[in-house]
Amino acid sequence: MTELHANVSDEQSQGSARRSLALVFCAFISGLCSIIYELLIATTASYFLADCS
């Protein structure tokens, strides 16, 4: 019975670690996309304002 309980807690900790890793990965991808978006908006704005310096 204790062996079964140990296996269940190991599976739960692995699932928790996977969720944490997925959350960090999603946060990283979201941040990267927002940086790229800001650069594209700045490039487009400078193009329309004819700021070619």
Protein backbone atom coordinates (compact mmCIF):
# COMPACT_ATOMS: atom_id res chain seq x y z
CA MET A 1 0.00 0.00 0.00
CA THR A 2 2.80 2.47 0.82
CA GLU A 3 4.50 1.65 -2.48
CA LEU A 4 1.32 2.58 -4.33
CA HIS A 5 1.10 5.81 -2.35
CA ALA A 6 4.74 6.64 -3.23
CA ASN A 7 4.07 6.06 -6.93
CA VAL A 8 1.05 8.36 -6.84
CA SER A 9 2.99 11.17 -5.14
CA ASP A 10 5.84 10.77 -7.66
CA GLU A 11 3.37 11.07 -10.54
CA GLN A 12 1.82 14.15 -8.94
CA SER A 13 5.21 15.83 -8.49
CA GLN A 14 6.15 15.04 -12.10
CA GLY A 15 2.83 16.48 -13.28
CA SER A 16 3.40 19.59 -11.18
CA ALA A 17 6.91 20.00 -12.60
CA ARG A 18 5.56 19.63 -16.13
CA ARG A 19 2.91 22.26 -15.49
CA SER A 20 5.51 24.64 -14.08
CA LEU A 21 7.76 24.07 -17.08
CA ALA A 22 4.84 24.62 -19.46
CA LEU A 23 3.94 27.85 -17.65
CA VAL A 24 7.51 29.17 -17.88
CA PHE A 25 7.66 28.20 -21.57
CA CYS A 26 4.37 29.99 -22.31
CA ALA A 27 5.53 33.10 -20.45
CA PHE A 28 8.80 33.12 -22.42
CA ILE A 29 7.01 32.73 -25.76
CA SER A 30 4.49 35.45 -24.85
CA GLY A 31 7.28 37.85 -23.89
CA LEU A 32 9.18 37.11 -27.08
CA CYS A 33 6.09 37.69 -29.22
CA SER A 34 5.37 41.00 -27.48
CA ILE A 35 8.94 42.22 -28.08
CA ILE A 36 8.70 41.31 -31.77
CA TYR A 37 5.29 43.01 -31.96
CA GLU A 38 6.68 46.22 -30.45
CA LEU A 39 9.60 46.24 -32.88
CA LEU A 40 7.24 45.77 -35.83
CA ILE A 41 4.96 48.57 -34.64
CA ALA A 42 7.94 50.92 -34.15
CA THR A 43 9.24 50.07 -37.63
CA THR A 44 5.84 50.68 -39.19
CA ALA A 45 5.39 53.96 -37.32
CA SER A 46 8.78 55.26 -38.38
CA TYR A 47 8.03 54.25 -41.96
CA PHE A 48 4.73 56.15 -42.00
CA LEU A 49 6.27 59.18 -40.29
CA ALA A 50 9.16 59.16 -42.81
CA ASP A 51 11.75 59.15 -40.04
CA CYS A 52 14.68 57.69 -41.97
CA SER A 53 17.56 58.47 -39.68
